[in-house]
Amino acid sequence: MVLSLLYRLVRCLFGLLAVLVRSDLSKDVELLVLRHENRVLRRQLSGRLRWDHADRLWLAALSGLVSRRRWAQVFPVTPATILRWHRNLVARKWNYASRRRPGRPSTGTSVKALIVRMARENPAWGHRRIQGELARLGYAIAASTVWEILHAAGIDPAPRRAGPTWRQFLTAQAHAIIACDFLVVETVLLQRLYVLVFIEHGTRRLHVAGVTARPTGAWAAQQARNLAMDVGDRLGMLRFLIHDRDPVFTTAFGEVFKAEGLRIITTLPKTPRMNAICERVNGTLRRELLDRILITGERHLALVLREYVAHYNRHRPHQSRRQRPPDGEA
């Protein structure tokens, strides 16, 4: 105990002598470092201590006024850190990234957007045709540059994108398309019921053809005839019927619509996006109706769907129709 106390006393005396012997400049530098460290600590009372560029610059500048042997006692970071900061400052000084690089200037963002827009709105235009149109507008750009911009945007050459995509076809022919699909509903006693749903793409008008526990081809054909009578002359204005490859959609089912001049388009297996609007309305029926009520049987389900279809067609707004209902004015 006595030896420990005596050791500390001697150490304090030697420290006091070192302070007295040191020059005033070294003391002032230490005070500046301590003051700056206090400011940093006040700025970040919690979490990891972070030094910004101004802090590093200040400490690196003060390091030149203090002997390197005393860096470990003066500065709150290691000597290696101070040397690394200084190397970074030198590297930033000799950085020429801001200067203009040799070669042709890069193509502007607005010109790139214009090239991509021309290619998407005109599928038959190749990169040389787009270059010619740009030259007429006053943009001097090489054909190879146009090709590189189209390639980076994921746009194929003109022959490969001449035909419309499935989405473009659905958008262009929406007013002439009607789609159908089956919606499966589980009752409160876990009895499975099937609902045949039709929707017109152009107007988003919803039709619930029928509800059954055992759908057959004859039943589906009869529901198609009932729909043809309910829709009336409006069915003749349509051109396409989209449905999946369910065996319930028999030849008799298709003949009902072919007699009205419609063309049957069957979707590919396991490709619900080809009948996306009908899939979406099935999801709407679940979210807004079937997930909020317990169904007891066929009659109950038919009654509930009849009321909802009236609300859907007369009152429910649709984004594709500028927030107007299907039966509202376009």
Protein backbone atom coordinates (compact mmCIF):
# COMPACT_ATOMS: atom_id res chain seq x y z
CA MET A 1 0.00 0.00 0.00
CA VAL A 2 2.79 2.41 0.98
CA LEU A 3 4.84 1.50 -2.09
CA SER A 4 1.82 2.07 -4.38
CA LEU A 5 1.19 5.48 -2.85
CA LEU A 6 4.85 6.37 -3.13
CA TYR A 7 4.87 5.26 -6.80
CA ARG A 8 1.90 7.47 -7.65
CA LEU A 9 3.45 10.44 -5.86
CA VAL A 10 6.71 10.07 -7.79
CA ARG A 11 4.82 9.71 -11.04
CA CYS A 12 2.81 12.89 -10.38
CA LEU A 13 6.04 14.78 -9.60
CA PHE A 14 7.66 13.67 -12.83
CA GLY A 15 4.50 14.62 -14.75
CA LEU A 16 4.57 18.07 -13.15
CA LEU A 17 8.22 18.52 -14.10
CA ALA A 18 7.43 17.48 -17.68
CA VAL A 19 4.68 20.10 -17.87
CA LEU A 20 7.00 22.79 -16.53
CA VAL A 21 9.81 21.87 -18.93
CA ARG A 22 7.59 21.73 -22.05
CA SER A 23 7.32 24.76 -24.28
CA ASP A 24 4.29 27.02 -24.30
CA LEU A 25 3.53 26.06 -27.90
CA SER A 26 3.13 22.37 -27.03
CA LYS A 27 0.83 23.24 -24.13
CA ASP A 28 -1.31 25.47 -26.31
CA VAL A 29 -1.61 22.72 -28.92
CA GLU A 30 -2.76 20.24 -26.29
CA LEU A 31 -5.36 22.70 -25.07
CA LEU A 32 -6.65 23.22 -28.60
CA VAL A 33 -6.89 19.46 -29.12
CA LEU A 34 -8.73 18.97 -25.83
CA ARG A 35 -11.15 21.78 -26.58
CA HIS A 36 -11.92 20.34 -29.99
CA GLU A 37 -12.40 16.88 -28.52
CA ASN A 38 -14.84 18.32 -25.98
CA ARG A 39 -16.84 19.95 -28.75
CA VAL A 40 -17.02 16.65 -30.61
CA LEU A 41 -18.10 14.81 -27.46
CA ARG A 42 -20.81 17.37 -26.75
CA ARG A 43 -22.05 17.00 -30.29
CA GLN A 44 -22.31 13.24 -29.91
CA LEU A 45 -23.15 12.40 -26.34
CA SER A 46 -24.40 8.93 -27.25
CA GLY A 47 -23.35 6.33 -29.77
CA ARG A 48 -20.10 5.87 -31.61
CA LEU A 49 -17.73 8.83 -31.81
CA ARG A 50 -17.68 10.17 -35.36
CA TRP A 51 -15.17 12.60 -36.85
CA ASP A 52 -16.18 14.66 -39.86
CA HIS A 53 -13.82 16.09 -42.47
CA ALA A 54 -13.37 19.38 -40.61
CA ASP A 55 -12.35 17.53 -37.42
CA ARG A 56 -9.83 15.41 -39.29
CA LEU A 57 -8.36 18.43 -41.05
CA TRP A 58 -8.00 20.32 -37.76
CA LEU A 59 -6.30 17.45 -35.89
CA ALA A 60 -4.04 16.64 -38.85
CA ALA A 61 -2.91 20.28 -38.97
CA LEU A 62 -2.21 20.36 -35.21
CA SER A 63 -0.23 17.15 -35.42
CA GLY A 64 2.57 19.01 -37.15
CA LEU A 65 3.08 21.21 -34.06
CA VAL A 66 3.47 18.34 -31.60
CA SER A 67 6.31 15.87 -31.35
CA ARG A 68 5.33 12.49 -32.75
CA ARG A 69 6.37 10.82 -29.49
CA ARG A 70 3.56 12.65 -27.71
CA TRP A 71 0.79 11.92 -30.25
CA ALA A 72 -0.54 9.01 -28.23
CA GLN A 73 -0.90 11.22 -25.10
CA VAL A 74 -2.25 14.32 -26.86
CA PHE A 75 -4.63 13.13 -29.54
CA PRO A 76 -7.76 10.99 -28.91
CA VAL A 77 -6.98 8.78 -31.94
CA THR A 78 -3.98 6.60 -32.77
CA PRO A 79 -1.00 7.94 -34.73
CA ALA A 80 -1.86 5.59 -37.58
CA THR A 81 -5.27 7.22 -37.87
CA ILE A 82 -3.79 10.70 -38.07
CA LEU A 83 -1.36 9.56 -40.76
CA ARG A 84 -4.23 8.00 -42.70
CA TRP A 85 -6.21 11.24 -42.49
CA HIS A 86 -3.21 13.14 -43.80
CA ARG A 87 -2.80 10.72 -46.72
CA ASN A 88 -6.47 11.17 -47.58
CA LEU A 89 -6.07 14.96 -47.54
CA VAL A 90 -3.10 14.70 -49.91
CA ALA A 91 -5.06 12.36 -52.19
CA ARG A 92 -8.01 14.77 -52.28
CA LYS A 93 -5.65 17.60 -53.18
CA TRP A 94 -4.29 15.74 -56.21
CA ASN A 95 -7.67 14.43 -57.36
CA TYR A 96 -8.57 15.48 -60.90
CA ALA A 97 -11.97 13.83 -61.03
CA SER A 98 -13.72 17.19 -61.26
CA ARG A 99 -11.80 18.14 -64.38
CA ARG A 100 -13.26 17.34 -67.78
CA ARG A 101 -12.10 13.98 -69.07
CA PRO A 102 -10.86 13.68 -72.66
CA GLY A 103 -13.16 12.33 -75.33
CA ARG A 104 -16.73 12.97 -76.36
CA PRO A 105 -19.12 14.40 -73.75
CA SER A 106 -21.71 12.01 -72.33
CA THR A 107 -25.25 12.01 -73.68
CA GLY A 108 -27.67 14.10 -71.65
CA THR A 109 -30.39 12.48 -69.56
CA SER A 110 -33.15 14.25 -71.49
CA VAL A 111 -31.81 12.93 -74.82
CA LYS A 112 -31.64 9.38 -73.42
CA ALA A 113 -35.23 9.64 -72.22
CA LEU A 114 -36.30 10.91 -75.65
CA ILE A 115 -34.58 7.98 -77.40
CA VAL A 116 -36.25 5.43 -75.12
CA ARG A 117 -39.62 7.11 -75.59
CA MET A 118 -39.28 7.08 -79.39
CA ALA A 119 -38.42 3.37 -79.35
CA ARG A 120 -41.35 2.43 -77.10
CA GLU A 121 -43.94 4.53 -78.89
CA ASN A 122 -42.73 3.42 -82.34
CA PRO A 123 -41.93 -0.33 -82.19
CA ALA A 124 -40.99 -0.46 -85.88
CA TRP A 125 -38.22 2.14 -85.56
CA GLY A 126 -34.65 0.88 -85.36
CA HIS A 127 -31.69 2.74 -83.92
CA ARG A 128 -30.78 4.31 -87.29
CA ARG A 129 -34.32 5.59 -87.82
CA ILE A 130 -34.29 7.09 -84.33
CA GLN A 131 -30.92 8.71 -85.08
CA GLY A 132 -32.43 10.31 -88.19
CA GLU A 133 -35.40 11.65 -86.24
CA LEU A 134 -33.03 13.10 -83.64
CA ALA A 135 -30.99 14.77 -86.38
CA ARG A 136 -34.13 16.47 -87.64
CA LEU A 137 -34.74 17.76 -84.13
CA GLY A 138 -31.21 19.17 -83.94
CA TYR A 139 -29.49 16.46 -81.86
CA ALA A 140 -26.16 15.32 -83.28
CA ILE A 141 -25.69 11.79 -81.99
CA ALA A 142 -24.12 8.67 -83.47
CA ALA A 143 -26.19 5.62 -84.41
CA SER A 144 -23.96 3.42 -82.23
CA THR A 145 -24.74 5.63 -79.24
CA VAL A 146 -28.46 5.26 -79.88
CA TRP A 147 -28.02 1.49 -80.03
CA GLU A 148 -26.11 1.46 -76.72
CA ILE A 149 -28.82 3.53 -75.01
CA LEU A 150 -31.56 1.18 -76.25
CA HIS A 151 -29.55 -1.87 -75.22
CA ALA A 152 -28.98 -0.45 -71.72
CA ALA A 153 -32.72 0.23 -71.41
CA GLY A 154 -33.53 -3.40 -72.27
CA ILE A 155 -35.22 -2.57 -75.59
CA ASP A 156 -34.80 -5.17 -78.31
CA PRO A 157 -34.07 -4.32 -81.96
CA ALA A 158 -37.02 -3.20 -84.06
CA PRO A 159 -37.90 -6.57 -85.69
CA ARG A 160 -38.23 -8.22 -82.27
CA ARG A 161 -40.52 -5.57 -80.84
CA ALA A 162 -42.62 -4.93 -83.93
CA GLY A 163 -45.49 -7.00 -82.56
CA PRO A 164 -47.49 -5.74 -79.58
CA THR A 165 -46.98 -7.31 -76.19
CA TRP A 166 -49.84 -9.00 -74.38
CA ARG A 167 -50.28 -5.93 -72.19
CA GLN A 168 -50.35 -3.61 -75.21
CA PHE A 169 -52.91 -5.84 -76.88
CA LEU A 170 -55.18 -5.83 -73.81
CA THR A 171 -54.90 -2.05 -73.50
CA ALA A 172 -55.63 -1.39 -77.17
CA GLN A 173 -58.55 -3.84 -77.34
CA ALA A 174 -60.01 -3.26 -73.86
CA HIS A 175 -63.33 -1.96 -75.19
CA ALA A 176 -63.81 -5.20 -77.16
CA ILE A 177 -62.81 -7.79 -74.53
CA ILE A 178 -64.83 -9.75 -72.00
CA ALA A 179 -63.15 -12.24 -69.67
CA CYS A 180 -64.40 -14.99 -67.37
CA ASP A 181 -63.06 -17.16 -64.61
CA PHE A 182 -64.19 -19.30 -61.68
CA LEU A 183 -64.11 -18.01 -58.12
CA VAL A 184 -63.92 -20.67 -55.39
CA VAL A 185 -65.77 -19.96 -52.12
CA GLU A 186 -65.73 -22.07 -48.95
CA THR A 187 -68.93 -22.02 -46.87
CA VAL A 188 -69.10 -22.01 -43.08
CA LEU A 189 -69.40 -25.81 -43.19
CA LEU A 190 -66.41 -26.03 -45.59
CA GLN A 191 -68.55 -26.85 -48.61
CA ARG A 192 -66.85 -25.67 -51.81
CA LEU A 193 -68.89 -23.49 -54.15
CA TYR A 194 -67.94 -22.20 -57.59
CA VAL A 195 -68.90 -18.79 -58.98
CA LEU A 196 -68.64 -18.05 -62.71
CA VAL A 197 -67.59 -14.41 -63.05
CA PHE A 198 -67.53 -12.29 -66.23
CA ILE A 199 -66.07 -8.79 -66.54
CA GLU A 200 -65.95 -6.39 -69.48
CA HIS A 201 -62.49 -4.84 -69.81
CA GLY A 202 -63.57 -1.54 -71.30
CA THR A 203 -66.32 -0.61 -68.85
CA ARG A 204 -65.25 -2.86 -65.92
CA ARG A 205 -68.88 -4.01 -65.74
CA LEU A 206 -69.14 -7.13 -63.56
CA HIS A 207 -71.47 -10.09 -64.21
CA VAL A 208 -71.97 -13.06 -61.89
CA ALA A 209 -73.33 -15.78 -64.17
CA GLY A 210 -74.15 -18.41 -61.56
CA VAL A 211 -73.25 -20.30 -58.40
CA THR A 212 -72.96 -24.08 -58.13
CA ALA A 213 -71.30 -26.79 -56.09
CA ARG A 214 -70.65 -29.02 -59.12
CA PRO A 215 -69.78 -27.09 -62.27
CA THR A 216 -70.17 -29.04 -65.51
CA GLY A 217 -69.87 -28.22 -69.17
CA ALA A 218 -73.64 -28.18 -69.65
CA TRP A 219 -74.07 -25.86 -66.66
CA ALA A 220 -71.39 -23.46 -67.98
CA ALA A 221 -72.99 -23.42 -71.45
CA GLN A 222 -76.38 -22.56 -69.91
CA GLN A 223 -74.83 -19.71 -67.92
CA ALA A 224 -73.29 -18.41 -71.15
CA ARG A 225 -76.73 -18.37 -72.79
CA ASN A 226 -78.22 -16.54 -69.80
CA LEU A 227 -75.42 -13.97 -69.99
CA ALA A 228 -76.02 -13.45 -73.72
CA MET A 229 -79.69 -12.70 -73.03
CA ASP A 230 -78.89 -10.36 -70.12
CA VAL A 231 -76.24 -8.37 -71.98
CA GLY A 232 -78.28 -8.18 -75.17
CA ASP A 233 -76.98 -6.08 -78.05
CA ARG A 234 -73.91 -5.00 -76.08
CA LEU A 235 -72.44 -8.50 -76.49
CA GLY A 236 -72.31 -8.00 -80.25
CA MET A 237 -70.01 -5.00 -79.74
CA LEU A 238 -67.38 -7.24 -78.17
CA ARG A 239 -64.75 -9.14 -80.17
CA PHE A 240 -62.79 -11.36 -77.77
CA LEU A 241 -63.55 -13.69 -74.85
CA ILE A 242 -60.63 -14.63 -72.59
CA HIS A 243 -60.70 -17.66 -70.30
CA ASP A 244 -58.33 -20.33 -69.07
CA ARG A 245 -58.11 -23.98 -70.17
CA ASP A 246 -60.58 -25.33 -67.61
CA PRO A 247 -62.36 -28.38 -69.13
CA VAL A 248 -65.68 -26.88 -67.99
CA PHE A 249 -65.34 -24.37 -70.84
CA THR A 250 -66.49 -26.85 -73.47
CA THR A 251 -67.15 -26.40 -77.18
CA ALA A 252 -70.83 -25.70 -76.45
CA PHE A 253 -69.76 -22.89 -74.12
CA GLY A 254 -67.62 -21.32 -76.84
CA GLU A 255 -70.27 -21.70 -79.54
CA VAL A 256 -72.60 -19.38 -77.60
CA PHE A 257 -70.09 -16.54 -77.96
CA LYS A 258 -68.92 -17.45 -81.45
CA ALA A 259 -72.51 -17.10 -82.60
CA GLU A 260 -72.33 -13.47 -81.46
CA GLY A 261 -69.12 -12.91 -83.44
CA LEU A 262 -66.63 -13.24 -80.57
CA ARG A 263 -63.24 -14.92 -80.86
CA ILE A 264 -62.20 -17.25 -78.02
CA ILE A 265 -58.71 -16.70 -76.59
CA THR A 266 -57.47 -19.25 -74.06
CA THR A 267 -54.66 -18.33 -71.70
CA LEU A 268 -51.47 -20.33 -71.31
CA PRO A 269 -51.21 -22.85 -68.44
CA LYS A 270 -50.24 -21.33 -65.08
CA THR A 271 -50.27 -17.80 -66.51
CA PRO A 272 -52.82 -15.80 -64.49
CA ARG A 273 -51.41 -12.50 -65.77
CA MET A 274 -52.95 -13.24 -69.17
CA ASN A 275 -56.33 -12.86 -67.48
CA ALA A 276 -55.16 -10.24 -64.98
CA ILE A 277 -58.31 -8.10 -64.84
CA CYS A 278 -60.54 -11.06 -64.06
CA GLU A 279 -58.05 -12.29 -61.45
CA ARG A 280 -58.04 -8.83 -59.92
CA VAL A 281 -61.81 -8.63 -59.67
CA ASN A 282 -61.82 -12.04 -57.98
CA GLY A 283 -59.39 -10.60 -55.44
CA THR A 284 -61.67 -7.59 -54.99
CA LEU A 285 -64.63 -9.87 -54.30
CA ARG A 286 -62.63 -11.65 -51.62
CA ARG A 287 -61.20 -8.55 -49.93
CA GLU A 288 -64.35 -6.42 -49.96
CA LEU A 289 -67.02 -9.09 -49.48
CA LEU A 290 -66.23 -12.77 -48.97
CA ASP A 291 -63.53 -12.27 -46.33
CA ARG A 292 -65.98 -10.23 -44.24
CA ILE A 293 -68.97 -12.58 -44.15
CA LEU A 294 -69.69 -16.28 -43.48
CA ILE A 295 -71.48 -18.00 -46.35
CA THR A 296 -74.00 -20.68 -45.42
CA GLY A 297 -74.95 -22.07 -48.85
CA GLU A 298 -75.63 -21.46 -52.54
CA ARG A 299 -78.71 -19.30 -52.05
CA HIS A 300 -76.97 -17.15 -49.47
CA LEU A 301 -73.92 -16.69 -51.71
CA ALA A 302 -76.07 -15.84 -54.74
CA LEU A 303 -78.01 -13.23 -52.73
CA VAL A 304 -74.85 -11.62 -51.33
CA LEU A 305 -73.18 -11.50 -54.74
CA ARG A 306 -76.27 -10.00 -56.36
CA GLU A 307 -76.26 -7.12 -53.91
CA TYR A 308 -72.54 -6.56 -54.26
CA VAL A 309 -72.67 -6.60 -58.09
CA ALA A 310 -75.31 -3.87 -57.97
CA HIS A 311 -73.02 -1.78 -55.76
CA TYR A 312 -69.96 -2.58 -57.91
CA ASN A 313 -71.57 -1.56 -61.20
CA ARG A 314 -73.50 1.50 -60.00
CA HIS A 315 -71.45 3.08 -57.23
CA ARG A 316 -67.91 1.70 -56.84
CA PRO A 317 -65.28 4.05 -58.39
CA HIS A 318 -62.57 2.70 -60.71
CA GLN A 319 -59.20 4.28 -61.36
CA SER A 320 -59.17 3.17 -65.00
CA ARG A 321 -62.45 5.08 -65.50
CA ARG A 322 -61.34 8.25 -63.71
CA GLN A 323 -63.05 7.20 -60.46
CA ARG A 324 -66.41 6.58 -62.16
CA PRO A 325 -68.51 3.40 -61.69
CA PRO A 326 -68.96 0.97 -64.62
CA ASP A 327 -72.55 2.06 -65.25
CA GLY A 328 -71.67 5.76 -64.96
CA GLU A 329 -70.91 8.07 -67.84
CA ALA A 330 -67.41 7.71 -69.31
